[in-house]
Amino acid sequence: MTVAPALLGLLQSGPRHGYDLKRAFDERFGQDKPLAYGQVYSTLARLLKNGLVEVEHEPGDGPDRKRYAITEAGVSDVAVWLATPEKPEPYLQSAMYTKVVLALLTGRDAADVLDAQRTEHLRLMRELTRRKSEGDLADQLVCDHALFHLEADLRWLELTAARLDDLATSVRG
């Protein structure tokens, strides 16, 4: 997830303090990996430097409290980001493939590597399925996305297991 466009998008509803942005981000997008405050403020500093946000100071007796507001350039930046499709990630050289090949090269049982990975994928799929059944629509969509990727990985694991003898011959060449 790209943090900067997400923060800009959240600012489109109105100016917010950094801690409000963090809370809104975590509620919408950060269930599994909340943002650190340092990341929020460093991102806001970069957006400010690039002219995508501006600071509104609040009058008061307490410490200087900054509210961040999106600029017209920031609104345009979000529009461009939303309209630009993400590059599909084909994972042509995945860590799983590397582990299988290295197991074969080092004389270890590559089938064990595949079995351990399959077990971990199935464990995570069960967890996501439970979370999906208990979650709201946003959580269901996030879980569906992850589950579809895990299903594709499982298909690859099965195909690789079926081709393991041929791969071993090819690798040991």
C-alpha atoms as a PDB file:
ATOM      1  CA  MET A   1       0.000   0.000   0.000  1.00  0.00           C
ATOM      2  CA  THR A   2       1.264   3.406  -0.883  1.00  0.00           C
ATOM      3  CA  VAL A   3       0.844   5.548   2.207  1.00  0.00           C
ATOM      4  CA  ALA A   4       1.144   9.024   0.665  1.00  0.00           C
ATOM      5  CA  PRO A   5      -1.811   8.759  -1.745  1.00  0.00           C
ATOM      6  CA  ALA A   6      -3.912   7.157   0.971  1.00  0.00           C
ATOM      7  CA  LEU A   7      -3.218  10.024   3.378  1.00  0.00           C
ATOM      8  CA  LEU A   8      -3.963  12.539   0.630  1.00  0.00           C
ATOM      9  CA  GLY A   9      -7.232  10.785  -0.136  1.00  0.00           C
ATOM     10  CA  LEU A  10      -8.195  10.854   3.529  1.00  0.00           C
ATOM     11  CA  LEU A  11      -7.459  14.597   3.634  1.00  0.00           C
ATOM     12  CA  GLN A  12      -9.948  15.241   0.842  1.00  0.00           C
ATOM     13  CA  SER A  13     -12.777  15.068   3.384  1.00  0.00           C
ATOM     14  CA  GLY A  14     -11.202  17.969   5.285  1.00  0.00           C
ATOM     15  CA  PRO A  15      -8.134  19.064   7.246  1.00  0.00           C
ATOM     16  CA  ARG A  16      -6.889  16.718   9.974  1.00  0.00           C
ATOM     17  CA  HIS A  17      -4.180  16.396  12.564  1.00  0.00           C
ATOM     18  CA  GLY A  18      -1.505  13.784  11.996  1.00  0.00           C
ATOM     19  CA  TYR A  19      -2.852  11.545  14.752  1.00  0.00           C
ATOM     20  CA  ASP A  20      -6.357  11.729  13.197  1.00  0.00           C
ATOM     21  CA  LEU A  21      -4.908  10.671   9.846  1.00  0.00           C
ATOM     22  CA  LYS A  22      -3.130   7.735  11.471  1.00  0.00           C
ATOM     23  CA  ARG A  23      -6.321   6.604  13.175  1.00  0.00           C
ATOM     24  CA  ALA A  24      -8.362   6.924   9.957  1.00  0.00           C
ATOM     25  CA  PHE A  25      -5.693   5.067   7.959  1.00  0.00           C
ATOM     26  CA  ASP A  26      -5.467   2.263  10.519  1.00  0.00           C
ATOM     27  CA  GLU A  27      -9.265   1.887  10.639  1.00  0.00           C
ATOM     28  CA  ARG A  28      -9.584   1.694   6.854  1.00  0.00           C
ATOM     29  CA  PHE A  29      -6.356   0.104   5.659  1.00  0.00           C
ATOM     30  CA  GLY A  30      -4.073  -0.842   8.514  1.00  0.00           C
ATOM     31  CA  GLN A  31      -5.854  -3.645  10.349  1.00  0.00           C
ATOM     32  CA  ASP A  32      -2.950  -5.995   9.712  1.00  0.00           C
ATOM     33  CA  LYS A  33      -0.165  -3.421   9.743  1.00  0.00           C
ATOM     34  CA  PRO A  34      -0.938  -0.131  11.470  1.00  0.00           C
ATOM     35  CA  LEU A  35       1.128   2.892  10.513  1.00  0.00           C
ATOM     36  CA  ALA A  36       3.784   4.111  12.880  1.00  0.00           C
ATOM     37  CA  TYR A  37       3.406   7.749  13.916  1.00  0.00           C
ATOM     38  CA  GLY A  38       6.877   8.409  12.540  1.00  0.00           C
ATOM     39  CA  GLN A  39       5.794   7.169   9.126  1.00  0.00           C
ATOM     40  CA  VAL A  40       2.718   9.406   9.179  1.00  0.00           C
ATOM     41  CA  TYR A  41       4.704  12.526  10.036  1.00  0.00           C
ATOM     42  CA  SER A  42       7.595  11.790   7.671  1.00  0.00           C
ATOM     43  CA  THR A  43       5.080  11.229   4.860  1.00  0.00           C
ATOM     44  CA  LEU A  44       3.275  14.456   5.746  1.00  0.00           C
ATOM     45  CA  ALA A  45       6.612  16.318   5.736  1.00  0.00           C
ATOM     46  CA  ARG A  46       7.357  14.985   2.246  1.00  0.00           C
ATOM     47  CA  LEU A  47       3.848  15.897   1.026  1.00  0.00           C
ATOM     48  CA  LEU A  48       4.292  19.391   2.482  1.00  0.00           C
ATOM     49  CA  LYS A  49       7.687  19.790   0.785  1.00  0.00           C
ATOM     50  CA  ASN A  50       6.141  18.693  -2.538  1.00  0.00           C
ATOM     51  CA  GLY A  51       3.253  21.147  -2.224  1.00  0.00           C
ATOM     52  CA  LEU A  52       0.572  18.460  -1.944  1.00  0.00           C
ATOM     53  CA  VAL A  53      -0.531  19.489   1.565  1.00  0.00           C
ATOM     54  CA  GLU A  54      -0.379  22.671   3.571  1.00  0.00           C
ATOM     55  CA  VAL A  55      -0.359  23.291   7.315  1.00  0.00           C
ATOM     56  CA  GLU A  56      -3.093  25.110   9.158  1.00  0.00           C
ATOM     57  CA  HIS A  57      -1.990  26.234  12.627  1.00  0.00           C
ATOM     58  CA  GLU A  58      -4.605  26.211  15.351  1.00  0.00           C
ATOM     59  CA  PRO A  59      -4.666  29.107  17.768  1.00  0.00           C
ATOM     60  CA  GLY A  60      -4.550  28.200  21.433  1.00  0.00           C
ATOM     61  CA  ASP A  61      -2.615  28.249  24.641  1.00  0.00           C
ATOM     62  CA  GLY A  62      -1.204  24.745  24.287  1.00  0.00           C
ATOM     63  CA  PRO A  63       1.510  23.380  22.069  1.00  0.00           C
ATOM     64  CA  ASP A  64       1.512  24.296  18.407  1.00  0.00           C
ATOM     65  CA  ARG A  65      -1.014  21.940  16.840  1.00  0.00           C
ATOM     66  CA  LYS A  66      -0.856  21.468  13.101  1.00  0.00           C
ATOM     67  CA  ARG A  67      -3.728  20.450  10.919  1.00  0.00           C
ATOM     68  CA  TYR A  68      -2.892  19.309   7.435  1.00  0.00           C
ATOM     69  CA  ALA A  69      -5.037  20.216   4.444  1.00  0.00           C
ATOM     70  CA  ILE A  70      -4.789  18.918   0.906  1.00  0.00           C
ATOM     71  CA  THR A  71      -3.881  21.409  -1.831  1.00  0.00           C
ATOM     72  CA  GLU A  72      -5.246  21.471  -5.381  1.00  0.00           C
ATOM     73  CA  ALA A  73      -2.002  19.798  -6.472  1.00  0.00           C
ATOM     74  CA  GLY A  74      -2.681  17.093  -3.889  1.00  0.00           C
ATOM     75  CA  VAL A  75      -6.214  16.582  -5.202  1.00  0.00           C
ATOM     76  CA  SER A  76      -4.789  16.217  -8.721  1.00  0.00           C
ATOM     77  CA  ASP A  77      -2.144  13.794  -7.459  1.00  0.00           C
ATOM     78  CA  VAL A  78      -4.816  11.561  -5.876  1.00  0.00           C
ATOM     79  CA  ALA A  79      -6.897  11.666  -9.067  1.00  0.00           C
ATOM     80  CA  VAL A  80      -3.931  10.584 -11.173  1.00  0.00           C
ATOM     81  CA  TRP A  81      -3.014   7.839  -8.688  1.00  0.00           C
ATOM     82  CA  LEU A  82      -6.567   6.487  -8.639  1.00  0.00           C
ATOM     83  CA  ALA A  83      -6.788   6.497 -12.444  1.00  0.00           C
ATOM     84  CA  THR A  84      -3.449   4.719 -12.924  1.00  0.00           C
ATOM     85  CA  PRO A  85      -3.735   0.911 -12.818  1.00  0.00           C
ATOM     86  CA  GLU A  86      -1.314  -0.914 -10.549  1.00  0.00           C
ATOM     87  CA  LYS A  87       1.308  -3.033 -12.280  1.00  0.00           C
ATOM     88  CA  PRO A  88       0.339  -6.687 -11.887  1.00  0.00           C
ATOM     89  CA  GLU A  89       3.016  -8.503  -9.919  1.00  0.00           C
ATOM     90  CA  PRO A  90       3.647 -11.879 -11.530  1.00  0.00           C
ATOM     91  CA  TYR A  91       6.191 -12.959  -8.894  1.00  0.00           C
ATOM     92  CA  LEU A  92       8.283 -14.647 -11.561  1.00  0.00           C
ATOM     93  CA  GLN A  93      11.087 -15.469  -9.131  1.00  0.00           C
ATOM     94  CA  SER A  94       9.369 -16.059  -5.816  1.00  0.00           C
ATOM     95  CA  ALA A  95      10.956 -17.024  -2.518  1.00  0.00           C
ATOM     96  CA  MET A  96       9.035 -20.311  -2.679  1.00  0.00           C
ATOM     97  CA  TYR A  97      10.654 -21.245  -6.001  1.00  0.00           C
ATOM     98  CA  THR A  98      14.079 -20.260  -4.674  1.00  0.00           C
ATOM     99  CA  LYS A  99      13.624 -22.467  -1.595  1.00  0.00           C
ATOM    100  CA  VAL A 100      12.609 -25.469  -3.712  1.00  0.00           C
ATOM    101  CA  VAL A 101      15.603 -25.090  -6.028  1.00  0.00           C
ATOM    102  CA  LEU A 102      18.017 -24.575  -3.126  1.00  0.00           C
ATOM    103  CA  ALA A 103      16.616 -27.640  -1.368  1.00  0.00           C
ATOM    104  CA  LEU A 104      17.313 -29.664  -4.491  1.00  0.00           C
ATOM    105  CA  LEU A 105      20.794 -28.182  -4.922  1.00  0.00           C
ATOM    106  CA  THR A 106      21.748 -28.863  -1.310  1.00  0.00           C
ATOM    107  CA  GLY A 107      20.408 -32.416  -1.179  1.00  0.00           C
ATOM    108  CA  ARG A 108      17.435 -31.638   1.030  1.00  0.00           C
ATOM    109  CA  ASP A 109      13.906 -32.897   0.449  1.00  0.00           C
ATOM    110  CA  ALA A 110      12.137 -30.294  -1.685  1.00  0.00           C
ATOM    111  CA  ALA A 111       8.838 -32.095  -1.092  1.00  0.00           C
ATOM    112  CA  ASP A 112       9.205 -31.231   2.607  1.00  0.00           C
ATOM    113  CA  VAL A 113       9.681 -27.574   1.691  1.00  0.00           C
ATOM    114  CA  LEU A 114       6.520 -27.669  -0.413  1.00  0.00           C
ATOM    115  CA  ASP A 115       4.566 -29.498   2.314  1.00  0.00           C
ATOM    116  CA  ALA A 116       5.605 -26.995   4.979  1.00  0.00           C
ATOM    117  CA  GLN A 117       4.583 -24.111   2.722  1.00  0.00           C
ATOM    118  CA  ARG A 118       1.258 -25.777   1.907  1.00  0.00           C
ATOM    119  CA  THR A 119       0.572 -26.214   5.632  1.00  0.00           C
ATOM    120  CA  GLU A 120       1.312 -22.551   6.308  1.00  0.00           C
ATOM    121  CA  HIS A 121      -0.868 -21.414   3.393  1.00  0.00           C
ATOM    122  CA  LEU A 122      -3.776 -23.542   4.617  1.00  0.00           C
ATOM    123  CA  ARG A 123      -3.371 -22.211   8.170  1.00  0.00           C
ATOM    124  CA  LEU A 124      -3.521 -18.627   6.921  1.00  0.00           C
ATOM    125  CA  MET A 125      -6.487 -19.418   4.667  1.00  0.00           C
ATOM    126  CA  ARG A 126      -8.410 -20.767   7.670  1.00  0.00           C
ATOM    127  CA  GLU A 127      -7.570 -17.630   9.655  1.00  0.00           C
ATOM    128  CA  LEU A 128      -8.647 -15.336   6.803  1.00  0.00           C
ATOM    129  CA  THR A 129     -11.860 -17.298   6.261  1.00  0.00           C
ATOM    130  CA  ARG A 130     -12.721 -16.902   9.957  1.00  0.00           C
ATOM    131  CA  ARG A 131     -11.871 -13.189   9.848  1.00  0.00           C
ATOM    132  CA  LYS A 132     -13.943 -12.775   6.703  1.00  0.00           C
ATOM    133  CA  SER A 133     -16.997 -14.347   8.328  1.00  0.00           C
ATOM    134  CA  GLU A 134     -16.751 -11.967  11.286  1.00  0.00           C
ATOM    135  CA  GLY A 135     -15.787  -8.816   9.408  1.00  0.00           C
ATOM    136  CA  ASP A 136     -17.546  -5.961   7.711  1.00  0.00           C
ATOM    137  CA  LEU A 137     -17.671  -5.585   3.934  1.00  0.00           C
ATOM    138  CA  ALA A 138     -14.257  -3.883   3.734  1.00  0.00           C
ATOM    139  CA  ASP A 139     -12.657  -6.686   5.734  1.00  0.00           C
ATOM    140  CA  GLN A 140     -14.412  -9.293   3.589  1.00  0.00           C
ATOM    141  CA  LEU A 141     -13.021  -7.739   0.406  1.00  0.00           C
ATOM    142  CA  VAL A 142      -9.489  -7.563   1.827  1.00  0.00           C
ATOM    143  CA  CYS A 143      -9.711 -11.194   2.938  1.00  0.00           C
ATOM    144  CA  ASP A 144     -11.091 -12.288  -0.452  1.00  0.00           C
ATOM    145  CA  HIS A 145      -8.125 -10.646  -2.186  1.00  0.00           C
ATOM    146  CA  ALA A 146      -5.658 -12.440   0.065  1.00  0.00           C
ATOM    147  CA  LEU A 147      -7.507 -15.760  -0.228  1.00  0.00           C
ATOM    148  CA  PHE A 148      -7.457 -15.660  -4.038  1.00  0.00           C
ATOM    149  CA  HIS A 149      -3.692 -15.087  -3.983  1.00  0.00           C
ATOM    150  CA  LEU A 150      -3.208 -17.927  -1.534  1.00  0.00           C
ATOM    151  CA  GLU A 151      -5.318 -20.227  -3.719  1.00  0.00           C
ATOM    152  CA  ALA A 152      -3.105 -19.402  -6.703  1.00  0.00           C
ATOM    153  CA  ASP A 153      -0.019 -20.160  -4.605  1.00  0.00           C
ATOM    154  CA  LEU A 154      -1.529 -23.503  -3.576  1.00  0.00           C
ATOM    155  CA  ARG A 155      -2.099 -24.398  -7.232  1.00  0.00           C
ATOM    156  CA  TRP A 156       1.546 -23.565  -7.910  1.00  0.00           C
ATOM    157  CA  LEU A 157       2.663 -25.700  -4.950  1.00  0.00           C
ATOM    158  CA  GLU A 158       0.673 -28.669  -6.258  1.00  0.00           C
ATOM    159  CA  LEU A 159       1.988 -28.239  -9.805  1.00  0.00           C
ATOM    160  CA  THR A 160       5.563 -27.944  -8.561  1.00  0.00           C
ATOM    161  CA  ALA A 161       5.169 -31.060  -6.394  1.00  0.00           C
ATOM    162  CA  ALA A 162       3.947 -32.945  -9.464  1.00  0.00           C
ATOM    163  CA  ARG A 163       6.971 -31.759 -11.455  1.00  0.00           C
ATOM    164  CA  LEU A 164       9.557 -32.162  -8.699  1.00  0.00           C
ATOM    165  CA  ASP A 165      11.410 -35.069 -10.329  1.00  0.00           C
ATOM    166  CA  ASP A 166      11.757 -33.152 -13.599  1.00  0.00           C
ATOM    167  CA  LEU A 167      12.872 -30.031 -11.737  1.00  0.00           C
ATOM    168  CA  ALA A 168      15.463 -32.010  -9.786  1.00  0.00           C
ATOM    169  CA  THR A 169      16.878 -33.390 -13.017  1.00  0.00           C
ATOM    170  CA  SER A 170      16.959 -29.918 -14.560  1.00  0.00           C
ATOM    171  CA  VAL A 171      18.560 -28.259 -11.540  1.00  0.00           C
ATOM    172  CA  ARG A 172      21.195 -30.894 -10.946  1.00  0.00           C
ATOM    173  CA  GLY A 173      21.778 -30.987 -14.711  1.00  0.00           C
END
